[in-house]
C-alpha cells in the first residue's frame, strides 16, 4: 500500500473542500479500513461491472459520513464495510454455483 499517496490524497481533498465550504476534518485511513475498502472494491468488481468498484467505496463513504459519531464510530464503519464485502462475495459465490 502506498501510504504517501493516500496521505497526499486526503490532504488534497481537504484543501479542495476547504476552498469551497470550510475544513471537513478527514481522518486518516487506518490500515484495516484501507484493506477492507480495497477488498470491497475487488468484490464489487468481480460481482458486477468493474467500473462500479469505485462507486461502491464512494457510497460506503457517504453512509459512514452520516453515522452518528461516537467512540465506536471507526469500529462500526469498519464493520459496515466488512459486512457489505462479505454479502457481495457470498452473492457472487451463489451466482457462480448456479452457472
Foldseek 3Di string as FASTA:
>chain_A
DPLVVQVVVVVVVQVVVCVPPRGDDDDRDDPLQVVLLVLQLVLPVLLDPNVCSVVVSVVLVVVLVPDDDDPCSVVVSSVVSNVNSVVSNVVSVVVVVVD
